[in-house]
Amino acid sequence: MCGIAALLCRSDAPATLQVDLWTRLISSVRDRGALAVSCAAESLGPDAHGEALHDFTTSDGTTWTLRLYASVLALRGPTTPQPLRRPDGSLFAWNGEVFGGMSVR
């Protein structure tokens, strides 16, 4: 199944707390696919999944850490690995597919 998880923490939060929260969060996203289709003969996806980490500082000097996780279930066509990172460092994760050649801006 498709899923997106995001965790935003102050960078000075204890590392063990960040890891514990992140592990529980992505486990719940990963496991929901297996639970949702537990009565089916086989599990659905994910066909691709990935994680990204980005640190940034706000105007008040606070440093934050953003973690993104995305899993993709490809119903048709090739998958696009997510989260997508552009050369400028920006991150993008989405849920859903665009059918019929629709342009995405």
PDB file of N, CA and C in Angstrom:
ATOM      1  N   MET A   1       0.840  -1.179   0.000  1.00  0.00           N
ATOM      2  CA  MET A   1       0.000   0.000   0.000  1.00  0.00           C
ATOM      3  C   MET A   1       0.880   1.234   0.000  1.00  0.00           C
ATOM      4  N   CYS A   2       0.344   2.320  -0.496  1.00  0.00           N
ATOM      5  CA  CYS A   2       1.057   3.601  -0.480  1.00  0.00           C
ATOM      6  C   CYS A   2       0.979   4.202   0.917  1.00  0.00           C
ATOM      7  N   GLY A   3       1.968   4.984   1.238  1.00  0.00           N
ATOM      8  CA  GLY A   3       1.945   5.666   2.522  1.00  0.00           C
ATOM      9  C   GLY A   3       3.034   6.706   2.611  1.00  0.00           C
ATOM     10  N   ILE A   4       2.771   7.737   3.397  1.00  0.00           N
ATOM     11  CA  ILE A   4       3.731   8.810   3.621  1.00  0.00           C
ATOM     12  C   ILE A   4       3.799   9.060   5.123  1.00  0.00           C
ATOM     13  N   ALA A   5       5.015   9.204   5.626  1.00  0.00           N
ATOM     14  CA  ALA A   5       5.212   9.558   7.029  1.00  0.00           C
ATOM     15  C   ALA A   5       6.179  10.725   7.085  1.00  0.00           C
ATOM     16  N   ALA A   6       5.928  11.643   7.996  1.00  0.00           N
ATOM     17  CA  ALA A   6       6.821  12.790   8.188  1.00  0.00           C
ATOM     18  C   ALA A   6       7.005  13.018   9.678  1.00  0.00           C
ATOM     19  N   LEU A   7       8.230  13.349  10.053  1.00  0.00           N
ATOM     20  CA  LEU A   7       8.537  13.666  11.440  1.00  0.00           C
ATOM     21  C   LEU A   7       9.394  14.920  11.451  1.00  0.00           C
ATOM     22  N   LEU A   8       8.949  15.919  12.182  1.00  0.00           N
ATOM     23  CA  LEU A   8       9.680  17.175  12.314  1.00  0.00           C
ATOM     24  C   LEU A   8      10.060  17.342  13.776  1.00  0.00           C
ATOM     25  N   CYS A   9      11.366  17.392  14.047  1.00  0.00           N
ATOM     26  CA  CYS A   9      11.877  17.529  15.415  1.00  0.00           C
ATOM     27  C   CYS A   9      12.926  18.626  15.471  1.00  0.00           C
ATOM     28  N   ARG A  10      12.983  19.285  16.607  1.00  0.00           N
ATOM     29  CA  ARG A  10      14.123  20.188  16.823  1.00  0.00           C
ATOM     30  C   ARG A  10      15.373  19.328  16.808  1.00  0.00           C
ATOM     31  N   SER A  11      16.413  19.824  16.188  1.00  0.00           N
ATOM     32  CA  SER A  11      17.647  19.039  16.071  1.00  0.00           C
ATOM     33  C   SER A  11      18.299  18.761  17.420  1.00  0.00           C
ATOM     34  N   ASP A  12      17.976  19.567  18.444  1.00  0.00           N
ATOM     35  CA  ASP A  12      18.556  19.327  19.758  1.00  0.00           C
ATOM     36  C   ASP A  12      17.745  18.330  20.590  1.00  0.00           C
ATOM     37  N   ALA A  13      16.675  17.760  20.016  1.00  0.00           N
ATOM     38  CA  ALA A  13      15.926  16.715  20.715  1.00  0.00           C
ATOM     39  C   ALA A  13      16.835  15.494  20.857  1.00  0.00           C
ATOM     40  N   PRO A  14      16.707  14.759  21.950  1.00  0.00           N
ATOM     41  CA  PRO A  14      17.572  13.588  22.135  1.00  0.00           C
ATOM     42  C   PRO A  14      17.482  12.624  20.954  1.00  0.00           C
ATOM     43  N   ALA A  15      18.626  12.160  20.491  1.00  0.00           N
ATOM     44  CA  ALA A  15      18.676  11.268  19.327  1.00  0.00           C
ATOM     45  C   ALA A  15      17.860  10.007  19.555  1.00  0.00           C
ATOM     46  N   THR A  16      17.886   9.468  20.782  1.00  0.00           N
ATOM     47  CA  THR A  16      17.132   8.246  21.059  1.00  0.00           C
ATOM     48  C   THR A  16      15.628   8.480  20.919  1.00  0.00           C
ATOM     49  N   LEU A  17      15.167   9.656  21.311  1.00  0.00           N
ATOM     50  CA  LEU A  17      13.753   9.991  21.155  1.00  0.00           C
ATOM     51  C   LEU A  17      13.384  10.086  19.676  1.00  0.00           C
ATOM     52  N   GLN A  18      14.213  10.757  18.887  1.00  0.00           N
ATOM     53  CA  GLN A  18      13.952  10.882  17.456  1.00  0.00           C
ATOM     54  C   GLN A  18      13.907   9.515  16.783  1.00  0.00           C
ATOM     55  N   VAL A  19      14.870   8.653  17.100  1.00  0.00           N
ATOM     56  CA  VAL A  19      14.925   7.324  16.486  1.00  0.00           C
ATOM     57  C   VAL A  19      13.715   6.496  16.905  1.00  0.00           C
ATOM     58  N   ASP A  20      13.341   6.563  18.182  1.00  0.00           N
ATOM     59  CA  ASP A  20      12.190   5.799  18.665  1.00  0.00           C
ATOM     60  C   ASP A  20      10.898   6.258  17.977  1.00  0.00           C
ATOM     61  N   LEU A  21      10.675   7.564  17.922  1.00  0.00           N
ATOM     62  CA  LEU A  21       9.474   8.080  17.249  1.00  0.00           C
ATOM     63  C   LEU A  21       9.445   7.684  15.781  1.00  0.00           C
ATOM     64  N   TRP A  22      10.590   7.840  15.109  1.00  0.00           N
ATOM     65  CA  TRP A  22      10.676   7.531  13.679  1.00  0.00           C
ATOM     66  C   TRP A  22      10.421   6.047  13.425  1.00  0.00           C
ATOM     67  N   THR A  23      11.011   5.190  14.228  1.00  0.00           N
ATOM     68  CA  THR A  23      10.839   3.747  14.055  1.00  0.00           C
ATOM     69  C   THR A  23       9.377   3.351  14.219  1.00  0.00           C
ATOM     70  N   ARG A  24       8.724   3.892  15.244  1.00  0.00           N
ATOM     71  CA  ARG A  24       7.305   3.570  15.456  1.00  0.00           C
ATOM     72  C   ARG A  24       6.434   4.125  14.341  1.00  0.00           C
ATOM     73  N   LEU A  25       6.744   5.321  13.864  1.00  0.00           N
ATOM     74  CA  LEU A  25       5.948   5.950  12.811  1.00  0.00           C
ATOM     75  C   LEU A  25       6.035   5.174  11.505  1.00  0.00           C
ATOM     76  N   ILE A  26       7.246   4.877  11.037  1.00  0.00           N
ATOM     77  CA  ILE A  26       7.338   4.181   9.753  1.00  0.00           C
ATOM     78  C   ILE A  26       6.887   2.727   9.871  1.00  0.00           C
ATOM     79  N   SER A  27       7.016   2.128  11.053  1.00  0.00           N
ATOM     80  CA  SER A  27       6.497   0.773  11.242  1.00  0.00           C
ATOM     81  C   SER A  27       4.988   0.757  11.069  1.00  0.00           C
ATOM     82  N   SER A  28       4.313   1.768  11.593  1.00  0.00           N
ATOM     83  CA  SER A  28       2.857   1.807  11.452  1.00  0.00           C
ATOM     84  C   SER A  28       2.442   2.012   9.997  1.00  0.00           C
ATOM     85  N   VAL A  29       3.216   2.768   9.231  1.00  0.00           N
ATOM     86  CA  VAL A  29       2.913   2.962   7.807  1.00  0.00           C
ATOM     87  C   VAL A  29       3.173   1.672   7.042  1.00  0.00           C
ATOM     88  N   ARG A  30       4.289   1.021   7.294  1.00  0.00           N
ATOM     89  CA  ARG A  30       4.622  -0.231   6.604  1.00  0.00           C
ATOM     90  C   ARG A  30       3.639  -1.338   6.955  1.00  0.00           C
ATOM     91  N   ASP A  31       3.292  -1.473   8.230  1.00  0.00           N
ATOM     92  CA  ASP A  31       2.459  -2.577   8.683  1.00  0.00           C
ATOM     93  C   ASP A  31       1.002  -2.453   8.287  1.00  0.00           C
ATOM     94  N   ARG A  32       0.526  -1.258   8.013  1.00  0.00           N
ATOM     95  CA  ARG A  32      -0.904  -1.111   7.706  1.00  0.00           C
ATOM     96  C   ARG A  32      -1.274  -1.809   6.424  1.00  0.00           C
ATOM     97  N   GLY A  33      -0.352  -1.940   5.474  1.00  0.00           N
ATOM     98  CA  GLY A  33      -0.633  -2.671   4.238  1.00  0.00           C
ATOM     99  C   GLY A  33      -0.888  -4.135   4.520  1.00  0.00           C
ATOM    100  N   ALA A  34      -0.049  -4.734   5.353  1.00  0.00           N
ATOM    101  CA  ALA A  34      -0.215  -6.143   5.692  1.00  0.00           C
ATOM    102  C   ALA A  34      -1.506  -6.373   6.473  1.00  0.00           C
ATOM    103  N   LEU A  35      -1.852  -5.431   7.374  1.00  0.00           N
ATOM    104  CA  LEU A  35      -3.077  -5.574   8.152  1.00  0.00           C
ATOM    105  C   LEU A  35      -4.311  -5.395   7.281  1.00  0.00           C
ATOM    106  N   ALA A  36      -4.252  -4.473   6.352  1.00  0.00           N
ATOM    107  CA  ALA A  36      -5.417  -4.178   5.524  1.00  0.00           C
ATOM    108  C   ALA A  36      -5.764  -5.326   4.595  1.00  0.00           C
ATOM    109  N   VAL A  37      -4.782  -6.119   4.215  1.00  0.00           N
ATOM    110  CA  VAL A  37      -5.045  -7.212   3.281  1.00  0.00           C
ATOM    111  C   VAL A  37      -4.759  -8.572   3.921  1.00  0.00           C
ATOM    112  N   SER A  38      -4.878  -8.648   5.245  1.00  0.00           N
ATOM    113  CA  SER A  38      -4.537  -9.888   5.931  1.00  0.00           C
ATOM    114  C   SER A  38      -5.404 -11.052   5.487  1.00  0.00           C
ATOM    115  N   CYS A  39      -6.606 -10.769   4.993  1.00  0.00           N
ATOM    116  CA  CYS A  39      -7.474 -11.852   4.548  1.00  0.00           C
ATOM    117  C   CYS A  39      -7.208 -12.229   3.089  1.00  0.00           C
ATOM    118  N   ALA A  40      -6.382 -11.471   2.396  1.00  0.00           N
ATOM    119  CA  ALA A  40      -6.076 -11.761   1.004  1.00  0.00           C
ATOM    120  C   ALA A  40      -4.985 -12.824   0.911  1.00  0.00           C
ATOM    121  N   ALA A  41      -4.891 -13.451  -0.244  1.00  0.00           N
ATOM    122  CA  ALA A  41      -3.906 -14.512  -0.448  1.00  0.00           C
ATOM    123  C   ALA A  41      -2.486 -13.972  -0.454  1.00  0.00           C
ATOM    124  N   GLU A  42      -2.294 -12.747  -0.946  1.00  0.00           N
ATOM    125  CA  GLU A  42      -0.952 -12.176  -0.969  1.00  0.00           C
ATOM    126  C   GLU A  42      -0.988 -10.703  -0.602  1.00  0.00           C
ATOM    127  N   SER A  43       0.115 -10.212  -0.112  1.00  0.00           N
ATOM    128  CA  SER A  43       0.224  -8.816   0.323  1.00  0.00           C
ATOM    129  C   SER A  43       0.396  -7.887  -0.867  1.00  0.00           C
ATOM    130  N   LEU A  44      -0.059  -6.659  -0.712  1.00  0.00           N
ATOM    131  CA  LEU A  44       0.083  -5.645  -1.754  1.00  0.00           C
ATOM    132  C   LEU A  44       1.215  -4.702  -1.405  1.00  0.00           C
ATOM    133  N   GLY A  45       2.256  -4.711  -2.210  1.00  0.00           N
ATOM    134  CA  GLY A  45       3.325  -3.739  -2.146  1.00  0.00           C
ATOM    135  C   GLY A  45       4.041  -3.667  -0.812  1.00  0.00           C
ATOM    136  N   PRO A  46       4.826  -2.645  -0.603  1.00  0.00           N
ATOM    137  CA  PRO A  46       5.067  -1.593  -1.589  1.00  0.00           C
ATOM    138  C   PRO A  46       6.032  -2.051  -2.684  1.00  0.00           C
ATOM    139  N   ASP A  47       5.920  -1.429  -3.851  1.00  0.00           N
ATOM    140  CA  ASP A  47       6.814  -1.715  -4.960  1.00  0.00           C
ATOM    141  C   ASP A  47       8.107  -0.923  -4.843  1.00  0.00           C
ATOM    142  N   ALA A  48       8.060   0.161  -4.113  1.00  0.00           N
ATOM    143  CA  ALA A  48       9.244   0.990  -3.878  1.00  0.00           C
ATOM    144  C   ALA A  48       9.021   1.755  -2.580  1.00  0.00           C
ATOM    145  N   HIS A  49      10.109   2.081  -1.907  1.00  0.00           N
ATOM    146  CA  HIS A  49      10.007   2.922  -0.712  1.00  0.00           C
ATOM    147  C   HIS A  49      11.349   3.598  -0.494  1.00  0.00           C
ATOM    148  N   GLY A  50      11.324   4.707   0.241  1.00  0.00           N
ATOM    149  CA  GLY A  50      12.559   5.424   0.511  1.00  0.00           C
ATOM    150  C   GLY A  50      12.397   6.393   1.657  1.00  0.00           C
ATOM    151  N   GLU A  51      13.528   6.877   2.137  1.00  0.00           N
ATOM    152  CA  GLU A  51      13.561   7.839   3.233  1.00  0.00           C
ATOM    153  C   GLU A  51      14.467   8.998   2.858  1.00  0.00           C
ATOM    154  N   ALA A  52      14.174  10.159   3.404  1.00  0.00           N
ATOM    155  CA  ALA A  52      15.019  11.339   3.191  1.00  0.00           C
ATOM    156  C   ALA A  52      15.094  12.116   4.495  1.00  0.00           C
ATOM    157  N   LEU A  53      16.214  12.772   4.686  1.00  0.00           N
ATOM    158  CA  LEU A  53      16.473  13.550   5.890  1.00  0.00           C
ATOM    159  C   LEU A  53      16.936  14.938   5.455  1.00  0.00           C
ATOM    160  N   HIS A  54      16.377  15.969   6.095  1.00  0.00           N
ATOM    161  CA  HIS A  54      16.758  17.339   5.734  1.00  0.00           C
ATOM    162  C   HIS A  54      16.827  18.190   6.999  1.00  0.00           C
ATOM    163  N   ASP A  55      17.960  18.840   7.211  1.00  0.00           N
ATOM    164  CA  ASP A  55      18.126  19.771   8.337  1.00  0.00           C
ATOM    165  C   ASP A  55      18.012  21.191   7.813  1.00  0.00           C
ATOM    166  N   PHE A  56      17.346  22.045   8.567  1.00  0.00           N
ATOM    167  CA  PHE A  56      17.234  23.450   8.179  1.00  0.00           C
ATOM    168  C   PHE A  56      17.125  24.319   9.423  1.00  0.00           C
ATOM    169  N   THR A  57      17.451  25.592   9.256  1.00  0.00           N
ATOM    170  CA  THR A  57      17.412  26.549  10.365  1.00  0.00           C
ATOM    171  C   THR A  57      16.395  27.634  10.045  1.00  0.00           C
ATOM    172  N   THR A  58      15.522  27.929  11.004  1.00  0.00           N
ATOM    173  CA  THR A  58      14.520  28.970  10.813  1.00  0.00           C
ATOM    174  C   THR A  58      15.115  30.337  11.152  1.00  0.00           C
ATOM    175  N   SER A  59      14.366  31.388  10.863  1.00  0.00           N
ATOM    176  CA  SER A  59      14.873  32.749  11.053  1.00  0.00           C
ATOM    177  C   SER A  59      15.193  33.073  12.515  1.00  0.00           C
ATOM    178  N   ASP A  60      14.583  32.335  13.465  1.00  0.00           N
ATOM    179  CA  ASP A  60      14.896  32.582  14.878  1.00  0.00           C
ATOM    180  C   ASP A  60      16.122  31.805  15.356  1.00  0.00           C
ATOM    181  N   GLY A  61      16.782  31.080  14.429  1.00  0.00           N
ATOM    182  CA  GLY A  61      18.002  30.351  14.762  1.00  0.00           C
ATOM    183  C   GLY A  61      17.789  28.918  15.215  1.00  0.00           C
ATOM    184  N   THR A  62      16.541  28.461  15.259  1.00  0.00           N
ATOM    185  CA  THR A  62      16.257  27.086  15.659  1.00  0.00           C
ATOM    186  C   THR A  62      16.571  26.145  14.497  1.00  0.00           C
ATOM    187  N   THR A  63      17.301  25.070  14.793  1.00  0.00           N
ATOM    188  CA  THR A  63      17.611  24.071  13.775  1.00  0.00           C
ATOM    189  C   THR A  63      16.638  22.908  13.918  1.00  0.00           C
ATOM    190  N   TRP A  64      16.061  22.484  12.804  1.00  0.00           N
ATOM    191  CA  TRP A  64      15.059  21.430  12.752  1.00  0.00           C
ATOM    192  C   TRP A  64      15.546  20.304  11.849  1.00  0.00           C
ATOM    193  N   THR A  65      15.048  19.106  12.117  1.00  0.00           N
ATOM    194  CA  THR A  65      15.306  17.946  11.274  1.00  0.00           C
ATOM    195  C   THR A  65      13.969  17.427  10.762  1.00  0.00           C
ATOM    196  N   LEU A  66      13.851  17.318   9.444  1.00  0.00           N
ATOM    197  CA  LEU A  66      12.657  16.770   8.810  1.00  0.00           C
ATOM    198  C   LEU A  66      13.017  15.412   8.235  1.00  0.00           C
ATOM    199  N   ARG A  67      12.248  14.397   8.608  1.00  0.00           N
ATOM    200  CA  ARG A  67      12.421  13.051   8.052  1.00  0.00           C
ATOM    201  C   ARG A  67      11.163  12.707   7.264  1.00  0.00           C
ATOM    202  N   LEU A  68      11.355  12.204   6.059  1.00  0.00           N
ATOM    203  CA  LEU A  68      10.238  11.777   5.214  1.00  0.00           C
ATOM    204  C   LEU A  68      10.411  10.316   4.835  1.00  0.00           C
ATOM    205  N   TYR A  69       9.320   9.585   4.832  1.00  0.00           N
ATOM    206  CA  TYR A  69       9.290   8.204   4.357  1.00  0.00           C
ATOM    207  C   TYR A  69       8.128   8.109   3.387  1.00  0.00           C
ATOM    208  N   ALA A  70       8.329   7.434   2.268  1.00  0.00           N
ATOM    209  CA  ALA A  70       7.249   7.235   1.311  1.00  0.00           C
ATOM    210  C   ALA A  70       7.331   5.824   0.756  1.00  0.00           C
ATOM    211  N   SER A  71       6.188   5.177   0.653  1.00  0.00           N
ATOM    212  CA  SER A  71       6.117   3.867   0.011  1.00  0.00           C
ATOM    213  C   SER A  71       5.130   3.975  -1.147  1.00  0.00           C
ATOM    214  N   VAL A  72       5.412   3.245  -2.206  1.00  0.00           N
ATOM    215  CA  VAL A  72       4.640   3.350  -3.437  1.00  0.00           C
ATOM    216  C   VAL A  72       4.122   1.974  -3.832  1.00  0.00           C
ATOM    217  N   LEU A  73       2.849   1.892  -4.155  1.00  0.00           N
ATOM    218  CA  LEU A  73       2.249   0.710  -4.742  1.00  0.00           C
ATOM    219  C   LEU A  73       1.913   1.071  -6.182  1.00  0.00           C
ATOM    220  N   ALA A  74       2.587   0.449  -7.120  1.00  0.00           N
ATOM    221  CA  ALA A  74       2.367   0.765  -8.539  1.00  0.00           C
ATOM    222  C   ALA A  74       1.233  -0.090  -9.077  1.00  0.00           C
ATOM    223  N   LEU A  75       0.131   0.552  -9.405  1.00  0.00           N
ATOM    224  CA  LEU A  75      -0.989  -0.180  -9.987  1.00  0.00           C
ATOM    225  C   LEU A  75      -0.785  -0.409 -11.475  1.00  0.00           C
ATOM    226  N   ARG A  76      -0.126   0.520 -12.115  1.00  0.00           N
ATOM    227  CA  ARG A  76       0.233   0.361 -13.519  1.00  0.00           C
ATOM    228  C   ARG A  76       1.385   1.304 -13.840  1.00  0.00           C
ATOM    229  N   GLY A  77       2.228   0.873 -14.735  1.00  0.00           N
ATOM    230  CA  GLY A  77       3.354   1.699 -15.136  1.00  0.00           C
ATOM    231  C   GLY A  77       4.503   1.650 -14.158  1.00  0.00           C
ATOM    232  N   PRO A  78       5.596   2.325 -14.492  1.00  0.00           N
ATOM    233  CA  PRO A  78       6.786   2.319 -13.635  1.00  0.00           C
ATOM    234  C   PRO A  78       6.581   3.168 -12.379  1.00  0.00           C
ATOM    235  N   THR A  79       7.349   2.861 -11.356  1.00  0.00           N
ATOM    236  CA  THR A  79       7.286   3.657 -10.128  1.00  0.00           C
ATOM    237  C   THR A  79       8.306   4.782 -10.181  1.00  0.00           C
ATOM    238  N   THR A  80       8.020   5.838  -9.475  1.00  0.00           N
ATOM    239  CA  THR A  80       8.972   6.925  -9.281  1.00  0.00           C
ATOM    240  C   THR A  80       9.429   6.853  -7.840  1.00  0.00           C
ATOM    241  N   PRO A  81      10.726   6.649  -7.620  1.00  0.00           N
ATOM    242  CA  PRO A  81      11.210   6.562  -6.233  1.00  0.00           C
ATOM    243  C   PRO A  81      10.837   7.826  -5.449  1.00  0.00           C
ATOM    244  N   GLN A  82      10.397   7.613  -4.230  1.00  0.00           N
ATOM    245  CA  GLN A  82      10.032   8.727  -3.366  1.00  0.00           C
ATOM    246  C   GLN A  82      10.736   8.574  -2.028  1.00  0.00           C
ATOM    247  N   PRO A  83      10.895   9.628  -1.273  1.00  0.00           N
ATOM    248  CA  PRO A  83      10.673  11.018  -1.631  1.00  0.00           C
ATOM    249  C   PRO A  83      11.646  11.461  -2.733  1.00  0.00           C
ATOM    250  N   LEU A  84      11.190  12.374  -3.531  1.00  0.00           N
ATOM    251  CA  LEU A  84      11.978  12.911  -4.628  1.00  0.00           C
ATOM    252  C   LEU A  84      12.777  14.100  -4.109  1.00  0.00           C
ATOM    253  N   ARG A  85      14.087  14.113  -4.368  1.00  0.00           N
ATOM    254  CA  ARG A  85      14.934  15.227  -3.934  1.00  0.00           C
ATOM    255  C   ARG A  85      15.457  15.932  -5.169  1.00  0.00           C
ATOM    256  N   ARG A  86      15.218  17.243  -5.223  1.00  0.00           N
ATOM    257  CA  ARG A  86      15.718  18.053  -6.338  1.00  0.00           C
ATOM    258  C   ARG A  86      17.152  18.487  -6.069  1.00  0.00           C
ATOM    259  N   PRO A  87      17.870  18.903  -7.123  1.00  0.00           N
ATOM    260  CA  PRO A  87      19.250  19.353  -6.935  1.00  0.00           C
ATOM    261  C   PRO A  87      19.382  20.510  -5.939  1.00  0.00           C
ATOM    262  N   ASP A  88      18.324  21.329  -5.792  1.00  0.00           N
ATOM    263  CA  ASP A  88      18.396  22.445  -4.843  1.00  0.00           C
ATOM    264  C   ASP A  88      18.155  22.008  -3.395  1.00  0.00           C
ATOM    265  N   GLY A  89      17.905  20.692  -3.185  1.00  0.00           N
ATOM    266  CA  GLY A  89      17.711  20.162  -1.839  1.00  0.00           C
ATOM    267  C   GLY A  89      16.262  20.023  -1.410  1.00  0.00           C
ATOM    268  N   SER A  90      15.316  20.559  -2.182  1.00  0.00           N
ATOM    269  CA  SER A  90      13.913  20.447  -1.789  1.00  0.00           C
ATOM    270  C   SER A  90      13.435  19.002  -1.928  1.00  0.00           C
ATOM    271  N   LEU A  91      12.463  18.630  -1.083  1.00  0.00           N
ATOM    272  CA  LEU A  91      11.929  17.274  -1.050  1.00  0.00           C
ATOM    273  C   LEU A  91      10.461  17.284  -1.425  1.00  0.00           C
ATOM    274  N   PHE A  92      10.014  16.193  -2.058  1.00  0.00           N
ATOM    275  CA  PHE A  92       8.621  16.085  -2.457  1.00  0.00           C
ATOM    276  C   PHE A  92       8.184  14.622  -2.334  1.00  0.00           C
ATOM    277  N   ALA A  93       7.079  14.386  -1.630  1.00  0.00           N
ATOM    278  CA  ALA A  93       6.481  13.058  -1.537  1.00  0.00           C
ATOM    279  C   ALA A  93       4.987  13.225  -1.783  1.00  0.00           C
ATOM    280  N   TRP A  94       4.388  12.288  -2.499  1.00  0.00           N
ATOM    281  CA  TRP A  94       2.964  12.400  -2.821  1.00  0.00           C
ATOM    282  C   TRP A  94       2.311  11.043  -2.750  1.00  0.00           C
ATOM    283  N   ASN A  95       1.009  11.044  -2.679  1.00  0.00           N
ATOM    284  CA  ASN A  95       0.227   9.822  -2.635  1.00  0.00           C
ATOM    285  C   ASN A  95      -0.792   9.874  -3.759  1.00  0.00           C
ATOM    286  N   GLY A  96      -0.785   8.874  -4.619  1.00  0.00           N
ATOM    287  CA  GLY A  96      -1.724   8.817  -5.713  1.00  0.00           C
ATOM    288  C   GLY A  96      -1.018   8.701  -7.040  1.00  0.00           C
ATOM    289  N   GLU A  97      -1.784   8.501  -8.077  1.00  0.00           N
ATOM    290  CA  GLU A  97      -1.241   8.383  -9.420  1.00  0.00           C
ATOM    291  C   GLU A  97      -1.986   9.334 -10.329  1.00  0.00           C
ATOM    292  N   VAL A  98      -1.319   9.706 -11.407  1.00  0.00           N
ATOM    293  CA  VAL A  98      -1.917  10.564 -12.422  1.00  0.00           C
ATOM    294  C   VAL A  98      -2.066   9.705 -13.674  1.00  0.00           C
ATOM    295  N   PHE A  99      -3.284   9.525 -14.132  1.00  0.00           N
ATOM    296  CA  PHE A  99      -3.541   8.697 -15.308  1.00  0.00           C
ATOM    297  C   PHE A  99      -3.925   9.538 -16.505  1.00  0.00           C
ATOM    298  N   GLY A 100      -3.667   9.046 -17.677  1.00  0.00           N
ATOM    299  CA  GLY A 100      -4.134   9.694 -18.894  1.00  0.00           C
ATOM    300  C   GLY A 100      -3.269  10.842 -19.368  1.00  0.00           C
ATOM    301  N   GLY A 101      -2.018  10.884 -18.990  1.00  0.00           N
ATOM    302  CA  GLY A 101      -1.121  11.909 -19.518  1.00  0.00           C
ATOM    303  C   GLY A 101      -1.335  13.301 -18.988  1.00  0.00           C
ATOM    304  N   MET A 102      -1.972  13.433 -17.848  1.00  0.00           N
ATOM    305  CA  MET A 102      -2.200  14.740 -17.242  1.00  0.00           C
ATOM    306  C   MET A 102      -0.870  15.393 -16.873  1.00  0.00           C
ATOM    307  N   SER A 103      -0.716  16.673 -17.118  1.00  0.00           N
ATOM    308  CA  SER A 103       0.551  17.321 -16.747  1.00  0.00           C
ATOM    309  C   SER A 103       0.527  17.715 -15.272  1.00  0.00           C
ATOM    310  N   VAL A 104       1.656  17.514 -14.625  1.00  0.00           N
ATOM    311  CA  VAL A 104       1.790  17.855 -13.206  1.00  0.00           C
ATOM    312  C   VAL A 104       2.808  18.962 -13.104  1.00  0.00           C
ATOM    313  N   ARG A 105       2.448  20.069 -12.465  1.00  0.00           N
ATOM    314  CA  ARG A 105       3.360  21.218 -12.333  1.00  0.00           C
ATOM    315  C   ARG A 105       3.797  21.405 -10.920  1.00  0.00           C
TER     316      ARG A 105
END
